[in-house]
Protein backbone atom coordinates (compact mmCIF):
# COMPACT_ATOMS: atom_id res chain seq x y z
CA UNK A 1 71.66 83.34 102.94
CA UNK A 2 70.98 81.75 99.84
CA UNK A 3 72.01 77.92 98.64
CA UNK A 4 74.06 79.57 95.98
CA UNK A 5 77.43 79.26 96.70
CA UNK A 6 79.09 82.17 97.29
CA UNK A 7 82.27 82.60 95.70
CA UNK A 8 84.30 85.29 97.87
CA UNK A 9 83.06 82.39 101.01
CA UNK A 10 84.63 79.46 98.96
CA UNK A 11 88.26 81.83 98.35
CA UNK A 12 88.14 82.88 101.97
CA UNK A 13 87.79 78.53 103.04
CA UNK A 14 90.62 77.60 100.34
CA UNK A 15 93.22 80.40 101.83
CA UNK A 16 92.41 79.83 105.23
CA UNK A 17 93.36 75.92 104.38
CA UNK A 18 96.40 76.48 102.44
CA UNK A 19 97.44 78.74 105.81
CA UNK A 20 96.84 75.90 108.16
CA UNK A 21 98.77 73.61 106.12
CA UNK A 22 101.32 75.78 105.61
CA UNK A 23 101.83 76.63 109.43
CA UNK A 24 102.17 73.00 110.14
CA UNK A 25 104.71 72.52 107.10
CA UNK A 26 106.82 75.33 109.20
CA UNK A 27 106.66 73.50 112.58
CA UNK A 28 110.00 71.60 112.23
CA UNK A 29 111.70 74.82 111.02
CA UNK A 30 110.19 77.08 113.40
CA UNK A 31 110.91 74.89 116.73
CA UNK A 32 114.72 75.25 115.76
CA UNK A 33 115.17 78.43 116.51
CA UNK A 34 118.20 79.65 114.94
CA UNK A 35 119.34 83.34 113.94
CA UNK A 36 118.99 82.79 110.08
CA UNK A 37 117.37 83.98 107.31
CA UNK A 38 115.47 80.88 106.95
CA UNK A 39 114.21 80.77 110.23
CA UNK A 40 112.98 84.65 110.27
CA UNK A 41 111.12 83.93 106.99
CA UNK A 42 109.41 81.13 108.53
CA UNK A 43 108.17 83.27 111.66
CA UNK A 44 106.76 85.67 109.53
CA UNK A 45 105.28 83.08 107.73
CA UNK A 46 103.68 81.48 110.84
CA UNK A 47 102.53 84.62 112.40
CA UNK A 48 100.80 85.47 109.31
CA UNK A 49 98.85 81.83 109.76
CA UNK A 50 97.23 82.83 112.49
CA UNK A 51 94.10 83.97 110.67
CA UNK A 52 93.46 80.80 109.21
CA UNK A 53 91.51 79.20 112.15
CA UNK A 54 89.48 82.52 112.59
CA UNK A 55 88.88 83.08 109.18
CA UNK A 56 87.65 79.53 109.38
CA UNK A 57 85.32 79.96 112.53
CA UNK A 58 84.28 83.53 110.53
CA UNK A 59 82.86 81.36 107.77
CA UNK A 60 81.10 79.62 110.07
CA UNK A 61 79.26 81.31 112.26
CA UNK A 62 78.45 83.17 108.65
CA UNK A 63 76.56 80.26 107.36
CA UNK A 64 75.74 78.97 110.45
CA UNK A 65 73.91 82.33 112.20
CA UNK A 66 72.36 83.39 109.15
CA UNK A 67 70.67 79.78 108.01
CA UNK A 68 66.81 79.23 109.45
CA UNK A 69 67.49 75.28 109.81
CA UNK A 70 70.44 76.10 112.66
CA UNK A 71 66.99 76.69 115.23
CA UNK A 72 66.40 73.23 113.86
CA UNK A 73 67.88 70.70 116.40
CA UNK A 74 67.05 67.69 114.71
CA UNK A 75 68.86 69.19 111.52
CA UNK A 76 71.94 69.76 113.75
CA UNK A 77 72.26 66.39 115.22
CA UNK A 78 70.98 64.56 111.94
CA UNK A 79 72.65 66.40 109.56
CA UNK A 80 75.09 69.53 110.71
CA UNK A 81 77.28 68.06 113.61
CA UNK A 82 76.91 64.33 111.33
CA UNK A 83 78.45 65.99 108.39
CA UNK A 84 81.78 67.13 110.43
CA UNK A 85 81.70 64.62 113.80
CA UNK A 86 82.30 61.46 111.73
CA UNK A 87 84.88 62.40 108.87
CA UNK A 88 86.70 64.41 112.20
CA UNK A 89 86.33 60.64 114.26
CA UNK A 90 87.05 58.25 111.07
CA UNK A 91 90.65 60.64 110.51
CA UNK A 92 91.57 60.35 114.43
CA UNK A 93 91.68 56.58 114.15
CA UNK A 94 93.11 56.39 110.82
CA UNK A 95 95.73 59.15 111.41
CA UNK A 96 96.36 57.84 115.17
CA UNK A 97 97.56 54.30 113.57
CA UNK A 98 99.27 55.29 110.31
CA UNK A 99 100.91 58.16 112.39
CA UNK A 100 102.80 55.21 114.36
CA UNK A 101 103.02 53.06 111.48
CA UNK A 102 105.69 55.60 109.82
CA UNK A 103 107.60 56.37 112.71
CA UNK A 104 108.21 52.50 113.86
CA UNK A 105 105.97 49.60 115.05
CA UNK A 106 102.27 50.07 116.08
CA UNK A 107 102.14 49.53 119.83
CA UNK A 108 98.15 48.43 120.16
CA UNK A 109 97.93 49.34 123.52
CA UNK A 110 99.46 52.59 123.23
CA UNK A 111 96.88 53.31 120.03
CA UNK A 112 94.06 52.18 121.90
CA UNK A 113 94.90 54.74 124.53
CA UNK A 114 95.32 57.29 122.54
CA UNK A 115 91.57 56.63 121.23
CA UNK A 116 90.37 56.17 124.65
CA UNK A 117 91.72 59.86 125.24
CA UNK A 118 90.60 61.91 122.15
CA UNK A 119 87.84 63.45 124.41
CA UNK A 120 90.52 64.95 126.65
CA UNK A 121 93.50 65.47 123.77
CA UNK A 122 93.32 65.26 120.27
CA UNK A 123 95.05 62.70 118.48
CA UNK A 124 96.84 64.94 116.02
CA UNK A 125 97.98 68.62 117.55
CA UNK A 126 96.04 69.96 114.14
CA UNK A 127 92.99 68.51 115.56
CA UNK A 128 92.75 70.99 118.64
CA UNK A 129 90.45 72.91 115.81
CA UNK A 130 87.69 70.22 116.09
CA UNK A 131 86.82 70.93 119.78
CA UNK A 132 86.25 74.70 120.07
CA UNK A 133 84.44 74.40 116.18
CA UNK A 134 81.86 71.07 117.72
CA UNK A 135 81.17 73.04 120.88
CA UNK A 136 79.88 75.53 119.04
CA UNK A 137 77.92 73.94 116.59
CA UNK A 138 76.22 72.49 119.66
CA UNK A 139 75.58 76.27 120.97
CA UNK A 140 74.38 77.46 117.62
CA UNK A 141 71.17 77.51 118.28
CA UNK A 142 71.36 79.54 121.15
CA UNK A 143 73.93 81.77 119.29
CA UNK A 144 71.41 82.17 116.47
CA UNK A 145 68.90 83.08 119.10
CA UNK A 146 71.45 86.43 120.19
CA UNK A 147 72.15 87.31 116.51
CA UNK A 148 69.07 87.31 115.35
CA UNK A 149 67.43 89.74 118.66
CA UNK A 150 70.77 91.64 119.12
CA UNK A 151 71.48 95.19 117.79
CA UNK A 152 75.31 96.68 116.38
CA UNK A 153 75.48 98.20 119.90
CA UNK A 154 75.35 95.31 122.00
CA UNK A 155 77.24 93.10 119.34
CA UNK A 156 80.10 95.58 120.10
CA UNK A 157 79.56 95.45 123.74
CA UNK A 158 79.42 91.45 123.59
CA UNK A 159 82.96 91.69 121.58
CA UNK A 160 84.59 94.02 123.83
CA UNK A 161 83.56 91.51 126.51
CA UNK A 162 85.53 88.61 124.23
CA UNK A 163 88.48 90.55 123.37
CA UNK A 164 89.14 91.87 127.21
CA UNK A 165 88.15 88.68 129.19
CA UNK A 166 88.75 85.72 126.22
CA UNK A 167 92.18 87.33 124.31
CA UNK A 168 93.80 90.36 126.48
CA UNK A 169 93.80 89.04 129.98
CA UNK A 170 94.66 85.34 128.97
CA UNK A 171 97.82 86.96 126.99
CA UNK A 172 99.10 89.21 129.85
CA UNK A 173 98.75 86.28 132.36
CA UNK A 174 101.32 83.96 129.98
CA UNK A 175 103.34 86.58 128.51
CA UNK A 176 104.22 88.50 131.93
CA UNK A 177 106.27 87.07 134.66
CA UNK A 178 104.31 84.77 137.04
CA UNK A 179 104.59 87.34 139.67
CA UNK A 180 102.95 90.03 137.25
CA UNK A 181 100.63 88.01 135.28
CA UNK A 182 99.00 86.11 138.33
CA UNK A 183 97.31 89.91 138.77
CA UNK A 184 95.28 89.37 135.42
CA UNK A 185 94.51 85.62 135.85
CA UNK A 186 90.50 85.62 135.93
CA UNK A 187 88.65 83.53 137.90
CA UNK A 188 87.08 80.81 135.97
CA UNK A 189 83.69 80.77 136.88
CA UNK A 190 83.89 84.61 136.37
CA UNK A 191 84.01 84.34 132.91
CA UNK A 192 81.25 85.73 130.53
CA UNK A 193 81.77 84.88 127.10
CA UNK A 194 81.89 80.83 126.75
CA UNK A 195 84.79 80.51 124.04
CA UNK A 196 87.39 82.13 123.34
CA UNK A 197 86.47 81.27 119.75
CA UNK A 198 82.72 82.35 119.57
CA UNK A 199 83.56 86.35 118.96
CA UNK A 200 84.86 85.41 115.40
CA UNK A 201 80.99 83.51 114.80
CA UNK A 202 79.69 86.42 115.60
CA UNK A 203 82.19 88.54 113.63
CA UNK A 204 81.66 86.65 110.64
CA UNK A 205 78.17 86.99 111.05
CA UNK A 206 78.14 90.63 111.15
CA UNK A 207 79.92 90.95 107.76
CA UNK A 208 77.54 88.96 106.02
CA UNK A 209 75.65 91.92 106.65
CA UNK A 210 77.74 94.44 105.57
CA UNK A 211 77.24 95.96 101.50
CA UNK A 212 79.89 94.99 99.98
CA UNK A 213 79.86 98.70 98.55
CA UNK A 214 80.59 100.22 101.86
CA UNK A 215 83.81 98.05 102.11
CA UNK A 216 86.91 100.33 101.22
CA UNK A 217 89.18 98.09 99.19
CA UNK A 218 92.19 100.08 99.34
CA UNK A 219 91.45 101.00 103.39
CA UNK A 220 91.27 97.68 103.88
CA UNK A 221 94.51 96.23 102.50
CA UNK A 222 96.64 99.19 104.05
CA UNK A 223 95.50 98.67 107.58
CA UNK A 224 95.50 94.72 107.00
CA UNK A 225 99.32 95.55 105.86
CA UNK A 226 100.25 97.20 108.57
CA UNK A 227 98.75 95.58 111.53
CA UNK A 228 100.22 91.96 109.77
CA UNK A 229 103.61 93.87 109.93
CA UNK A 230 103.41 94.46 113.48
CA UNK A 231 102.23 91.33 114.59
CA UNK A 232 105.77 90.14 112.64
CA UNK A 233 107.77 92.51 114.33
CA UNK A 234 106.16 92.15 117.48
CA UNK A 235 106.86 88.17 117.17
CA UNK A 236 110.69 88.89 116.45
CA UNK A 237 110.77 91.79 119.55
CA UNK A 238 108.98 89.42 122.09
CA UNK A 239 112.07 86.90 121.70
CA UNK A 240 113.23 88.96 124.47
CA UNK A 241 111.38 87.96 127.53
CA UNK A 242 111.27 91.67 128.76
CA UNK A 243 109.45 92.26 125.68
CA UNK A 244 106.68 89.33 125.87
CA UNK A 245 104.31 91.43 127.25
CA UNK A 246 103.48 92.74 123.43
CA UNK A 247 101.81 89.84 122.43
CA UNK A 248 98.65 90.89 124.15
CA UNK A 249 98.62 93.64 121.07
CA UNK A 250 99.47 91.30 118.50
CA UNK A 251 96.60 89.10 120.23
CA UNK A 252 94.35 91.89 119.86
CA UNK A 253 95.24 92.78 115.87
CA UNK A 254 94.89 88.82 114.69
CA UNK A 255 91.25 89.02 115.27
CA UNK A 256 91.01 92.30 113.28
CA UNK A 257 93.32 91.23 110.66
CA UNK A 258 90.85 88.15 110.27
CA UNK A 259 87.87 90.41 109.71
CA UNK A 260 90.00 92.79 107.07
CA UNK A 261 90.79 89.91 105.23
CA UNK A 262 87.08 88.58 105.23
CA UNK A 263 85.97 91.95 104.01
CA UNK A 264 88.45 92.05 101.59
CA UNK A 265 87.68 88.49 99.92
CA UNK A 266 83.90 89.87 100.13
CA UNK A 267 84.80 93.42 98.35
CA UNK A 268 86.66 91.56 95.83
CA UNK A 269 83.27 89.46 94.76
CA UNK A 270 82.52 90.96 91.07
CA UNK A 271 85.87 90.52 90.24
CA UNK A 272 86.85 86.51 90.70
CA UNK A 273 87.06 85.67 87.31
CA UNK A 274 85.02 82.44 85.81
CA UNK A 275 88.12 80.22 85.37
CA UNK A 276 89.03 81.00 89.39
CA UNK A 277 85.61 80.64 90.48
CA UNK A 278 85.30 77.09 89.01
CA UNK A 279 88.74 76.21 90.18
CA UNK A 280 87.42 77.31 93.64
CA UNK A 281 84.29 75.79 93.04
CA UNK A 282 86.42 72.27 92.96
CA UNK A 283 88.50 72.65 95.52
CA UNK A 284 86.42 74.20 98.10
CA UNK A 285 84.37 71.14 98.88
CA UNK A 286 87.63 69.29 99.67
CA UNK A 287 88.74 71.70 102.35
CA UNK A 288 87.82 69.83 105.47
CA UNK A 289 88.99 66.57 104.24
CA UNK A 290 92.27 68.56 103.50
CA UNK A 291 91.95 69.93 106.91
CA UNK A 292 91.91 66.70 108.52
CA UNK A 293 94.25 64.81 106.16
CA UNK A 294 96.96 67.26 105.81
CA UNK A 295 98.96 65.77 109.20
CA UNK A 296 99.85 62.94 107.78
CA UNK A 297 100.53 64.20 104.11
CA UNK A 298 103.16 66.48 106.10
CA UNK A 299 104.65 63.29 108.24
CA UNK A 300 104.46 61.21 105.08
CA UNK A 301 106.52 63.97 102.58
CA UNK A 302 108.93 64.31 105.81
CA UNK A 303 109.92 60.75 105.78
CA UNK A 304 110.53 59.92 102.42
CA UNK A 305 111.69 63.72 101.52
CA UNK A 306 114.44 64.34 104.61
CA UNK A 307 115.55 67.95 105.10
CA UNK A 308 112.83 69.25 102.40
CA UNK A 309 112.74 72.96 102.21
CA UNK A 310 109.40 73.70 103.97
CA UNK A 311 108.06 75.77 100.78
CA UNK A 312 108.36 71.76 99.46
CA UNK A 313 106.44 70.11 102.22
CA UNK A 314 103.75 72.64 102.27
CA UNK A 315 103.43 72.40 98.02
CA UNK A 316 103.36 68.78 97.78
CA UNK A 317 101.39 67.90 101.19
CA UNK A 318 99.01 70.23 100.02
CA UNK A 319 98.72 68.34 96.83
CA UNK A 320 98.80 65.07 98.30
CA UNK A 321 95.75 65.88 100.22
CA UNK A 322 94.23 67.56 98.04
CA UNK A 323 94.18 64.33 95.73
CA UNK A 324 93.54 61.71 98.30
CA UNK A 325 90.24 63.70 99.50
CA UNK A 326 89.16 64.32 95.25
CA UNK A 327 89.30 60.60 95.17
CA UNK A 328 87.75 59.25 98.31
CA UNK A 329 84.94 61.82 97.43
CA UNK A 330 83.82 60.10 94.49
CA UNK A 331 83.37 56.73 96.33
CA UNK A 332 79.71 56.50 97.76
CA UNK A 333 79.59 55.99 100.88
CA UNK A 334 82.96 56.52 101.67
CA UNK A 335 82.62 59.75 100.56
CA UNK A 336 80.21 60.73 103.49
CA UNK A 337 82.66 59.18 106.36
CA UNK A 338 86.17 60.39 105.41
CA UNK A 339 85.72 64.09 103.39
């Protein structure tokens, strides 16, 4: 990859960030399951946002597996990991403390224990994403070695293994009655794919190699809309325990939808306006910081805007997160620690 910023990659990054904040803004309404139009809308939106994290992994795969610096272990530990781990650790401490401040007196023993357990459990649920991401960063030199040597046939073979072993079988295990699901539960030592997210790394890398002229815009849109509609339908039908097994279809659809969205943004690359590109170039570098702070922002909005509509929470939390990270990014030293 060139050092020049790719607008379509930055656009995907911003798009995925907005979806993540939306998903967590809907959390309270989603938990209170009721047969209402509002709940149905929330359920549908959360289903749509399931592609957000895959898109982040795909971007990382495209950038890292295309970079010659990925083989450089010194660069990995002195730069790439530092840029990810330091803000994550800093915001974990801040979030663990402020989350308690907003809910009542701070129990320092509980606060300390939460930090000590951070290796096993994120301080905020939203931070789960960091654990597989850091693992993939650590494995990135090996993954690049595979990417540089593998051909399309072997890549497809790898992705088939990934879909079957890390997506389909686990979904069947958890979405069928125990007396049936036990037969789909694979033995841990027999799992040949090292991470349930590694497939997204390779999908992002492979799409980055496709000439945008070979991507069919209208076909991508129709396929994406159809599969998303199927997933939304399944999200309602599977509320009945007898039909939860259908979730295996939606789980397989998610990487396909994410890939179609990725290709759609790439195909649209030459049509982004200068004004849109400038806005994206300002917001894109802030997305990691926004991800790290948005949990606190949502909690803050909910605290002072009681019973706010999830859309208001989403908009306000997004704007608040962007403003906070934008300000912090302008402060020397602080920007390296918190953004």
